[in-house]
Amino acid sequence: MEVKQAVTLAKQHIAELFADEGAKNLGLEEVEFDESAGVWRVTIGFSRPWDEPRNVLASLAGEGLAKRTYKIVNVLDSDGQVLSVKTYQSRS
């Protein structure tokens, strides 16, 4: 499969999986292909209603940027099956 297909599958999966939580602003963060495992690792960022600033004062206090959640979606290259969804852990 091509990288665009893997990204599309990952975004669709996240949108469906987190639909009842109001996930929005889905965006591609990074993608890599593990050739030895035949798996695409696609990191998708999104926000949910509770990530938004609660009011104008919160925005003025520097909390204006919505927080984002990052998930790594592992997609099998051979058939597009989603193998797992994991929380992204910063490497720093």
C-alpha atoms as a PDB file:
ATOM      1  CA  MET A   1       0.000   0.000   0.000  1.00  0.00           C
ATOM      2  CA  GLU A   2       1.061   3.588  -0.533  1.00  0.00           C
ATOM      3  CA  VAL A   3       1.714   5.990   2.342  1.00  0.00           C
ATOM      4  CA  LYS A   4      -1.426   8.019   1.531  1.00  0.00           C
ATOM      5  CA  GLN A   5      -3.573   4.901   1.898  1.00  0.00           C
ATOM      6  CA  ALA A   6      -2.056   4.110   5.303  1.00  0.00           C
ATOM      7  CA  VAL A   7      -2.682   7.674   6.490  1.00  0.00           C
ATOM      8  CA  THR A   8      -6.277   7.636   5.242  1.00  0.00           C
ATOM      9  CA  LEU A   9      -6.965   4.342   7.024  1.00  0.00           C
ATOM     10  CA  ALA A  10      -5.402   5.623  10.253  1.00  0.00           C
ATOM     11  CA  LYS A  11      -7.419   8.868  10.187  1.00  0.00           C
ATOM     12  CA  GLN A  12     -10.669   7.005   9.461  1.00  0.00           C
ATOM     13  CA  HIS A  13      -9.993   4.595  12.302  1.00  0.00           C
ATOM     14  CA  ILE A  14      -9.300   7.385  14.801  1.00  0.00           C
ATOM     15  CA  ALA A  15     -12.360   9.354  13.651  1.00  0.00           C
ATOM     16  CA  GLU A  16     -14.600   6.309  14.146  1.00  0.00           C
ATOM     17  CA  LEU A  17     -12.981   5.121  17.380  1.00  0.00           C
ATOM     18  CA  PHE A  18     -13.167   8.510  19.097  1.00  0.00           C
ATOM     19  CA  ALA A  19     -16.387   9.783  17.472  1.00  0.00           C
ATOM     20  CA  ASP A  20     -18.402   9.602  20.697  1.00  0.00           C
ATOM     21  CA  GLU A  21     -15.748  11.759  22.395  1.00  0.00           C
ATOM     22  CA  GLY A  22     -16.105  14.541  19.836  1.00  0.00           C
ATOM     23  CA  ALA A  23     -12.654  14.137  18.267  1.00  0.00           C
ATOM     24  CA  LYS A  24     -11.938  16.915  15.784  1.00  0.00           C
ATOM     25  CA  ASN A  25      -9.085  18.666  14.031  1.00  0.00           C
ATOM     26  CA  LEU A  26      -7.498  15.359  13.031  1.00  0.00           C
ATOM     27  CA  GLY A  27      -4.103  15.797  11.498  1.00  0.00           C
ATOM     28  CA  LEU A  28      -1.143  13.750  10.406  1.00  0.00           C
ATOM     29  CA  GLU A  29       1.864  14.227  12.680  1.00  0.00           C
ATOM     30  CA  GLU A  30       4.285  11.596  11.398  1.00  0.00           C
ATOM     31  CA  VAL A  31       4.398   8.341   9.495  1.00  0.00           C
ATOM     32  CA  GLU A  32       6.988   5.611   9.128  1.00  0.00           C
ATOM     33  CA  PHE A  33       7.101   2.188   7.572  1.00  0.00           C
ATOM     34  CA  ASP A  34       8.652  -0.721   9.482  1.00  0.00           C
ATOM     35  CA  GLU A  35       9.826  -2.853   6.585  1.00  0.00           C
ATOM     36  CA  SER A  36      10.772  -5.861   8.722  1.00  0.00           C
ATOM     37  CA  ALA A  37       7.293  -6.029  10.301  1.00  0.00           C
ATOM     38  CA  GLY A  38       5.355  -4.818   7.261  1.00  0.00           C
ATOM     39  CA  VAL A  39       3.596  -2.223   9.402  1.00  0.00           C
ATOM     40  CA  TRP A  40       2.873   1.465   8.909  1.00  0.00           C
ATOM     41  CA  ARG A  41       3.140   3.507  12.120  1.00  0.00           C
ATOM     42  CA  VAL A  42       0.988   6.575  11.640  1.00  0.00           C
ATOM     43  CA  THR A  43       0.810   9.245  14.354  1.00  0.00           C
ATOM     44  CA  ILE A  44      -2.440  11.221  14.306  1.00  0.00           C
ATOM     45  CA  GLY A  45      -3.114  14.287  16.433  1.00  0.00           C
ATOM     46  CA  PHE A  46      -6.583  15.480  17.372  1.00  0.00           C
ATOM     47  CA  SER A  47      -8.453  17.487  19.972  1.00  0.00           C
ATOM     48  CA  ARG A  48     -11.542  16.808  22.055  1.00  0.00           C
ATOM     49  CA  PRO A  49     -14.017  19.231  23.639  1.00  0.00           C
ATOM     50  CA  TRP A  50     -12.354  19.124  27.073  1.00  0.00           C
ATOM     51  CA  ASP A  51      -9.034  20.137  25.494  1.00  0.00           C
ATOM     52  CA  GLU A  52     -10.421  23.548  24.486  1.00  0.00           C
ATOM     53  CA  PRO A  53      -9.985  26.639  26.693  1.00  0.00           C
ATOM     54  CA  ARG A  54     -13.079  26.976  28.866  1.00  0.00           C
ATOM     55  CA  ASN A  55     -13.529  30.713  28.516  1.00  0.00           C
ATOM     56  CA  VAL A  56     -12.012  33.970  27.317  1.00  0.00           C
ATOM     57  CA  LEU A  57     -10.065  34.444  30.569  1.00  0.00           C
ATOM     58  CA  ALA A  58      -8.407  31.059  30.125  1.00  0.00           C
ATOM     59  CA  SER A  59      -7.387  32.127  26.638  1.00  0.00           C
ATOM     60  CA  LEU A  60      -5.943  35.397  27.937  1.00  0.00           C
ATOM     61  CA  ALA A  61      -4.042  33.549  30.665  1.00  0.00           C
ATOM     62  CA  GLY A  62      -2.042  31.689  28.040  1.00  0.00           C
ATOM     63  CA  GLU A  63      -4.257  28.659  27.807  1.00  0.00           C
ATOM     64  CA  GLY A  64      -5.467  29.758  24.396  1.00  0.00           C
ATOM     65  CA  LEU A  65      -4.064  26.869  22.456  1.00  0.00           C
ATOM     66  CA  ALA A  66      -6.093  23.720  22.556  1.00  0.00           C
ATOM     67  CA  LYS A  67      -4.288  20.670  23.855  1.00  0.00           C
ATOM     68  CA  ARG A  68      -3.946  17.750  21.496  1.00  0.00           C
ATOM     69  CA  THR A  69      -3.956  14.015  21.881  1.00  0.00           C
ATOM     70  CA  TYR A  70      -1.539  11.951  19.814  1.00  0.00           C
ATOM     71  CA  LYS A  71      -2.159   8.325  18.879  1.00  0.00           C
ATOM     72  CA  ILE A  72       0.020   5.905  16.939  1.00  0.00           C
ATOM     73  CA  VAL A  73      -2.018   3.705  14.625  1.00  0.00           C
ATOM     74  CA  ASN A  74      -0.272   0.546  13.435  1.00  0.00           C
ATOM     75  CA  VAL A  75      -1.604  -0.518  10.033  1.00  0.00           C
ATOM     76  CA  LEU A  76      -0.660  -3.813   8.405  1.00  0.00           C
ATOM     77  CA  ASP A  77       0.728  -3.103   4.939  1.00  0.00           C
ATOM     78  CA  SER A  78      -0.553  -6.293   3.319  1.00  0.00           C
ATOM     79  CA  ASP A  79      -4.284  -5.771   3.927  1.00  0.00           C
ATOM     80  CA  GLY A  80      -4.801  -2.444   5.740  1.00  0.00           C
ATOM     81  CA  GLN A  81      -5.874  -4.076   8.996  1.00  0.00           C
ATOM     82  CA  VAL A  82      -5.433  -1.797  12.017  1.00  0.00           C
ATOM     83  CA  LEU A  83      -3.389  -3.789  14.503  1.00  0.00           C
ATOM     84  CA  SER A  84      -3.312  -1.330  17.388  1.00  0.00           C
ATOM     85  CA  VAL A  85      -3.828   2.225  18.583  1.00  0.00           C
ATOM     86  CA  LYS A  86      -1.374   3.447  21.194  1.00  0.00           C
ATOM     87  CA  THR A  87      -0.778   6.702  23.022  1.00  0.00           C
ATOM     88  CA  TYR A  88       2.207   8.574  21.661  1.00  0.00           C
ATOM     89  CA  GLN A  89       4.977   8.896  24.256  1.00  0.00           C
ATOM     90  CA  SER A  90       7.441  11.723  23.795  1.00  0.00           C
ATOM     91  CA  ARG A  91      11.001  10.532  23.342  1.00  0.00           C
ATOM     92  CA  SER A  92      12.461  13.493  25.204  1.00  0.00           C
END
